[in-house]
Each structure stands twice: as structure tokens, then as C-alpha cells.
């Protein structure tokens, strides 16, 4: 059940990623503005950096869907290493 719940969570994250790409495609005229490439890269880096934190805090700790390793005495250590 935990693996299915994690899969559903990731499916939601893929849907959000598709929505973000659609938003970028809609605003493609703005991508030719000076500095637009840097802003897009910065937003991508923030998004990719935020993902492990959001995944750990939301699905591992708050929702309790699963832990990184459940077969160890202290799974929090592994969750923190995931960051």
C-alpha cells in the first residue's frame, strides 16, 4: 500500500511538472526577453532543489507514506541523508 501511495504522489508531481511546462510554453514569447534564460535556469534549479525536501517532508514525515529505509532502527537518519 505504501508503494502504491508513493506512486500516486509521484503521479501528482508529474502532473504538476506538465502544468509547469505548459505554462512555460504559453509564455514562450517572454523567453526572448533579456535575462529570460537566466531566470528560467534559476527557476529550474530551485524546483529541482525543492523536490527532495518536499518529497521527504510531505510524503515521508507528514503523510507517513513511506520512509527511505524502513528496515533500520533509526529511519530518520536515512531520510535526512536523502536531502
Protein backbone atom coordinates (compact mmCIF):
# COMPACT_ATOMS: atom_id res chain seq x y z
CA UNK A 1 0.00 0.00 0.00
CA UNK A 2 2.88 2.35 0.75
CA UNK A 3 4.43 1.82 -2.67
CA UNK A 4 1.08 2.50 -4.36
CA UNK A 5 0.60 5.66 -2.31
CA UNK A 6 4.12 6.80 -3.22
CA UNK A 7 3.36 6.12 -6.88
CA UNK A 8 0.18 8.21 -6.65
CA UNK A 9 2.18 11.02 -5.04
CA UNK A 10 4.72 10.92 -7.86
CA UNK A 11 1.93 10.87 -10.43
CA UNK A 12 0.63 14.09 -8.90
CA UNK A 13 4.13 15.59 -9.08
CA UNK A 14 4.38 14.63 -12.78
CA UNK A 15 1.04 16.35 -13.39
CA UNK A 16 2.39 19.48 -11.70
CA UNK A 17 5.54 19.30 -13.84
CA UNK A 18 3.44 19.05 -17.00
CA UNK A 19 1.40 22.04 -15.88
CA UNK A 20 4.64 23.97 -15.34
CA UNK A 21 5.92 23.06 -18.79
CA UNK A 22 2.61 24.10 -20.29
CA UNK A 23 2.94 27.44 -18.51
CA UNK A 24 6.44 27.89 -19.94
CA UNK A 25 5.19 27.01 -23.42
CA UNK A 26 2.37 29.55 -23.12
CA UNK A 27 4.83 32.28 -22.19
CA UNK A 28 7.43 31.38 -24.80
CA UNK A 29 7.32 34.91 -26.22
CA UNK A 30 8.71 36.11 -22.90
CA UNK A 31 11.67 33.73 -23.24
CA UNK A 32 13.35 36.02 -25.78
CA UNK A 33 13.49 38.92 -23.31
CA UNK A 34 16.94 39.82 -21.94
CA UNK A 35 17.81 37.64 -18.95
CA UNK A 36 14.94 35.24 -19.55
CA UNK A 37 17.28 32.26 -19.90
CA UNK A 38 18.89 33.01 -16.56
CA UNK A 39 15.51 33.36 -14.86
CA UNK A 40 14.34 30.07 -16.39
CA UNK A 41 17.51 28.29 -15.26
CA UNK A 42 17.18 29.76 -11.76
CA UNK A 43 13.55 28.61 -11.53
CA UNK A 44 14.52 25.11 -12.73
CA UNK A 45 17.32 24.85 -10.16
CA UNK A 46 15.01 25.99 -7.38
CA UNK A 47 12.39 23.45 -8.49
CA UNK A 48 14.86 20.58 -8.68
CA UNK A 49 16.37 21.58 -5.34
CA UNK A 50 12.99 21.85 -3.66
CA UNK A 51 11.80 18.43 -4.79
CA UNK A 52 13.82 16.24 -2.35
CA UNK A 53 12.85 18.50 0.56
CA UNK A 54 9.15 18.49 -0.39
CA UNK A 55 9.19 14.73 -1.01
CA UNK A 56 10.85 13.99 2.34
CA UNK A 57 8.80 16.36 4.46
CA UNK A 58 5.41 15.75 2.85
CA UNK A 59 5.36 12.09 1.86
CA UNK A 60 7.85 10.66 4.36
CA UNK A 61 7.16 12.61 7.54
CA UNK A 62 3.77 14.34 7.40
CA UNK A 63 1.79 11.76 5.41
CA UNK A 64 3.90 8.81 6.57
CA UNK A 65 3.56 7.14 3.17
CA UNK A 66 6.97 5.51 3.43
CA UNK A 67 10.49 6.07 4.65
CA UNK A 68 13.72 5.85 2.67
CA UNK A 69 14.69 2.75 4.66
CA UNK A 70 12.24 1.07 6.99
CA UNK A 71 14.42 -1.90 7.94
CA UNK A 72 16.79 0.08 10.17
CA UNK A 73 16.42 1.09 13.84
CA UNK A 74 16.50 4.82 13.05
CA UNK A 75 14.89 5.57 9.64
CA UNK A 76 15.16 9.34 10.25
CA UNK A 77 18.91 9.16 9.58
CA UNK A 78 18.24 7.76 6.10
CA UNK A 79 15.52 10.34 5.48
CA UNK A 80 17.96 13.13 6.33
CA UNK A 81 20.62 11.59 4.06
CA UNK A 82 18.05 11.76 1.23
CA UNK A 83 18.39 15.57 1.35
